[in-house]
C-alpha atoms as a PDB file:
ATOM      1  CA  MET A   1       0.044   0.067   0.073  1.00  0.00           C
ATOM      2  CA  SER A   2       1.547   3.398  -0.966  1.00  0.00           C
ATOM      3  CA  GLU A   3       1.878   5.993   1.742  1.00  0.00           C
ATOM      4  CA  GLU A   4      -0.414   8.269   0.280  1.00  0.00           C
ATOM      5  CA  LEU A   5      -3.178   5.697   0.747  1.00  0.00           C
ATOM      6  CA  LEU A   6      -2.185   4.670   4.262  1.00  0.00           C
ATOM      7  CA  GLU A   7      -2.247   8.555   5.334  1.00  0.00           C
ATOM      8  CA  ILE A   8      -5.834   8.786   3.735  1.00  0.00           C
ATOM      9  CA  ALA A   9      -6.891   5.848   5.403  1.00  0.00           C
ATOM     10  CA  ASN A  10      -5.289   6.664   8.851  1.00  0.00           C
ATOM     11  CA  LYS A  11      -7.065  10.220   8.727  1.00  0.00           C
ATOM     12  CA  ARG A  12     -10.763   8.446   7.943  1.00  0.00           C
ATOM     13  CA  LEU A  13      -9.954   6.366  10.732  1.00  0.00           C
ATOM     14  CA  ILE A  14      -9.233   9.271  13.126  1.00  0.00           C
ATOM     15  CA  ARG A  15     -12.112  10.956  11.853  1.00  0.00           C
ATOM     16  CA  ALA A  16     -14.616   8.306  12.638  1.00  0.00           C
ATOM     17  CA  HIS A  17     -13.154   7.607  16.203  1.00  0.00           C
ATOM     18  CA  PHE A  18     -13.229  11.125  16.728  1.00  0.00           C
ATOM     19  CA  LEU A  19     -16.773  11.581  15.936  1.00  0.00           C
ATOM     20  CA  VAL A  20     -17.904   8.515  17.747  1.00  0.00           C
ATOM     21  CA  ALA A  21     -15.946   9.675  21.031  1.00  0.00           C
ATOM     22  CA  SER A  22     -17.204  13.183  20.819  1.00  0.00           C
ATOM     23  CA  ARG A  23     -20.714  12.072  20.600  1.00  0.00           C
ATOM     24  CA  ASN A  24     -20.443   9.827  23.305  1.00  0.00           C
ATOM     25  CA  ALA A  25     -18.652  12.819  25.439  1.00  0.00           C
ATOM     26  CA  GLY A  26     -21.724  15.008  25.101  1.00  0.00           C
ATOM     27  CA  VAL A  27     -20.848  16.836  21.510  1.00  0.00           C
ATOM     28  CA  ARG A  28     -24.439  18.051  20.185  1.00  0.00           C
ATOM     29  CA  PRO A  29     -25.093  16.041  17.063  1.00  0.00           C
ATOM     30  CA  GLU A  30     -25.354  19.370  14.843  1.00  0.00           C
ATOM     31  CA  ALA A  31     -21.751  20.603  16.354  1.00  0.00           C
ATOM     32  CA  LEU A  32     -19.841  17.047  15.324  1.00  0.00           C
ATOM     33  CA  ASP A  33     -18.162  18.336  12.219  1.00  0.00           C
ATOM     34  CA  ALA A  34     -17.466  21.729  14.052  1.00  0.00           C
ATOM     35  CA  ALA A  35     -15.819  19.921  16.925  1.00  0.00           C
ATOM     36  CA  PHE A  36     -13.785  17.885  14.411  1.00  0.00           C
ATOM     37  CA  LYS A  37     -12.395  21.152  12.948  1.00  0.00           C
ATOM     38  CA  LEU A  38     -11.815  22.881  16.046  1.00  0.00           C
ATOM     39  CA  ALA A  39     -10.027  19.831  17.800  1.00  0.00           C
ATOM     40  CA  ASP A  40      -6.298  19.925  17.748  1.00  0.00           C
ATOM     41  CA  LEU A  41      -5.434  16.392  16.754  1.00  0.00           C
ATOM     42  CA  SER A  42      -1.769  16.681  16.711  1.00  0.00           C
ATOM     43  CA  GLY A  43      -1.601  14.015  19.496  1.00  0.00           C
ATOM     44  CA  VAL A  44      -3.664  11.799  17.953  1.00  0.00           C
ATOM     45  CA  ALA A  45      -1.901   8.410  16.872  1.00  0.00           C
ATOM     46  CA  ILE A  46      -2.566   5.262  15.296  1.00  0.00           C
ATOM     47  CA  ASP A  47      -0.319   2.273  16.185  1.00  0.00           C
ATOM     48  CA  ASP A  48       0.572  -0.698  14.289  1.00  0.00           C
ATOM     49  CA  ALA A  49      -2.553  -2.731  15.351  1.00  0.00           C
ATOM     50  CA  GLY A  50      -4.842  -0.054  14.182  1.00  0.00           C
ATOM     51  CA  ARG A  51      -5.776   1.552  17.545  1.00  0.00           C
ATOM     52  CA  VAL A  52      -6.276   5.101  17.933  1.00  0.00           C
ATOM     53  CA  TRP A  53      -4.765   7.200  20.858  1.00  0.00           C
ATOM     54  CA  GLY A  54      -5.000  10.324  21.949  1.00  0.00           C
ATOM     55  CA  VAL A  55      -8.633  11.148  20.971  1.00  0.00           C
ATOM     56  CA  ASP A  56     -10.190  11.426  24.548  1.00  0.00           C
ATOM     57  CA  ASP A  57      -7.430  13.842  25.231  1.00  0.00           C
ATOM     58  CA  ALA A  58      -7.977  16.039  22.404  1.00  0.00           C
ATOM     59  CA  ILE A  59     -11.920  15.947  23.143  1.00  0.00           C
ATOM     60  CA  GLU A  60     -11.063  17.143  26.845  1.00  0.00           C
ATOM     61  CA  ALA A  61      -8.913  19.899  25.502  1.00  0.00           C
ATOM     62  CA  LEU A  62     -11.942  20.997  22.874  1.00  0.00           C
ATOM     63  CA  ARG A  63     -14.209  20.858  26.180  1.00  0.00           C
ATOM     64  CA  THR A  64     -11.815  23.463  27.989  1.00  0.00           C
ATOM     65  CA  GLU A  65     -11.564  25.786  24.676  1.00  0.00           C
ATOM     66  CA  SER A  66     -14.790  25.327  22.809  1.00  0.00           C
ATOM     67  CA  ASP A  67     -17.328  24.144  25.345  1.00  0.00           C
ATOM     68  CA  PHE A  68     -20.322  25.639  22.982  1.00  0.00           C
ATOM     69  CA  VAL A  69     -20.107  22.556  20.984  1.00  0.00           C
ATOM     70  CA  PHE A  70     -21.276  20.347  23.990  1.00  0.00           C
ATOM     71  CA  ALA A  71     -24.701  19.752  24.868  1.00  0.00           C
ATOM     72  CA  PRO A  72     -25.593  21.328  28.120  1.00  0.00           C
ATOM     73  CA  VAL A  73     -25.252  18.949  31.052  1.00  0.00           C
ATOM     74  CA  GLU A  74     -29.091  19.323  33.066  1.00  0.00           C
ATOM     75  CA  PRO A  75     -28.544  18.953  36.870  1.00  0.00           C
ATOM     76  CA  VAL A  76     -30.139  15.922  38.154  1.00  0.00           C
ATOM     77  CA  LYS A  77     -33.366  16.695  40.224  1.00  0.00           C
ATOM     78  CA  PRO A  78     -33.326  14.819  43.609  1.00  0.00           C
ATOM     79  CA  ARG A  79     -36.695  12.363  43.813  1.00  0.00           C
ATOM     80  CA  SER A  80     -38.059  12.033  47.276  1.00  0.00           C
ATOM     81  CA  ILE A  81     -38.454   8.292  48.088  1.00  0.00           C
ATOM     82  CA  GLY A  82     -40.911   7.317  50.852  1.00  0.00           C
ATOM     83  CA  GLY A  83     -43.019  10.275  51.307  1.00  0.00           C
ATOM     84  CA  PRO A  84     -46.088  10.453  53.205  1.00  0.00           C
ATOM     85  CA  ALA A  85     -48.713   7.856  52.029  1.00  0.00           C
ATOM     86  CA  GLY A  86     -52.440   7.865  52.473  1.00  0.00           C
ATOM     87  CA  PRO A  87     -55.486  10.110  51.329  1.00  0.00           C
END
Protein backbone atom coordinates (compact mmCIF):
# COMPACT_ATOMS: atom_id res chain seq x y z
CA MET A 1 0.00 0.00 0.00
CA SER A 2 1.40 3.40 -0.88
CA GLU A 3 2.11 5.96 1.80
CA GLU A 4 -0.51 8.28 0.34
CA LEU A 5 -3.27 5.68 0.60
CA LEU A 6 -2.18 4.77 4.11
CA GLU A 7 -2.33 8.41 5.17
CA ILE A 8 -5.84 8.80 3.70
CA ALA A 9 -7.01 5.65 5.50
CA ASN A 10 -5.49 6.84 8.78
CA LYS A 11 -7.20 10.23 8.51
CA ARG A 12 -10.54 8.53 7.91
CA LEU A 13 -9.99 6.22 10.87
CA ILE A 14 -9.12 9.14 13.14
CA ARG A 15 -12.16 11.11 11.98
CA ALA A 16 -14.49 8.17 12.55
CA HIS A 17 -13.05 7.48 15.98
CA PHE A 18 -13.24 11.17 16.89
CA LEU A 19 -16.88 11.52 15.80
CA VAL A 20 -18.00 8.50 17.82
CA ALA A 21 -15.99 9.45 20.91
CA SER A 22 -17.05 13.10 20.80
CA ARG A 23 -20.73 12.18 20.45
CA ASN A 24 -20.36 9.88 23.46
CA ALA A 25 -18.66 12.73 25.33
CA GLY A 26 -21.66 15.01 24.82
CA VAL A 27 -20.92 16.98 21.66
CA ARG A 28 -24.19 18.17 20.15
CA PRO A 29 -25.03 16.16 17.00
CA GLU A 30 -25.25 19.28 14.85
CA ALA A 31 -21.81 20.41 16.06
CA LEU A 32 -19.84 17.22 15.32
CA ASP A 33 -18.21 18.58 12.15
CA ALA A 34 -17.35 21.86 13.88
CA ALA A 35 -15.87 19.97 16.81
CA PHE A 36 -13.69 17.94 14.46
CA LYS A 37 -12.42 21.10 12.77
CA LEU A 38 -11.77 22.86 16.09
CA ALA A 39 -10.03 19.96 17.84
CA ASP A 40 -6.26 19.83 18.05
CA LEU A 41 -5.54 16.34 16.75
CA SER A 42 -1.76 16.74 16.69
CA GLY A 43 -1.44 14.34 19.63
CA VAL A 44 -3.59 11.64 18.04
CA ALA A 45 -1.76 8.56 16.77
CA ILE A 46 -2.51 5.14 15.34
CA ASP A 47 -0.43 2.18 16.44
CA ASP A 48 0.59 -0.80 14.31
CA ALA A 49 -2.52 -2.71 15.42
CA GLY A 50 -4.78 0.08 14.13
CA ARG A 51 -5.78 1.41 17.56
CA VAL A 52 -6.33 5.16 17.79
CA TRP A 53 -4.73 6.93 20.77
CA GLY A 54 -5.17 10.47 22.04
CA VAL A 55 -8.70 11.25 20.88
CA ASP A 56 -10.08 11.42 24.43
CA ASP A 57 -7.40 13.95 25.38
CA ALA A 58 -8.22 16.04 22.31
CA ILE A 59 -11.92 16.01 23.24
CA GLU A 60 -11.21 17.08 26.82
CA ALA A 61 -9.01 19.92 25.55
CA LEU A 62 -11.84 20.92 23.22
CA ARG A 63 -14.23 20.95 26.18
CA THR A 64 -12.11 23.58 27.93
CA GLU A 65 -11.49 25.67 24.81
CA SER A 66 -14.78 25.41 22.90
CA ASP A 67 -17.44 24.19 25.28
CA PHE A 68 -20.21 25.63 23.08
CA VAL A 69 -20.10 22.49 20.90
CA PHE A 70 -21.12 20.37 23.89
CA ALA A 71 -24.72 19.88 24.98
CA PRO A 72 -25.51 21.54 28.29
CA VAL A 73 -25.53 19.16 31.20
CA GLU A 74 -28.77 19.35 33.07
CA PRO A 75 -28.49 18.89 36.83
CA VAL A 76 -30.18 15.81 38.18
CA LYS A 77 -33.25 16.69 40.21
CA PRO A 78 -33.48 14.77 43.45
CA ARG A 79 -36.53 12.57 43.87
CA SER A 80 -38.12 11.94 47.21
CA ILE A 81 -38.56 8.34 48.12
CA GLY A 82 -40.93 7.14 50.82
CA GLY A 83 -42.90 10.32 51.27
CA PRO A 84 -46.13 10.51 53.23
CA ALA A 85 -48.76 8.02 52.15
CA GLY A 86 -52.45 8.09 52.50
CA PRO A 87 -55.48 10.03 51.35
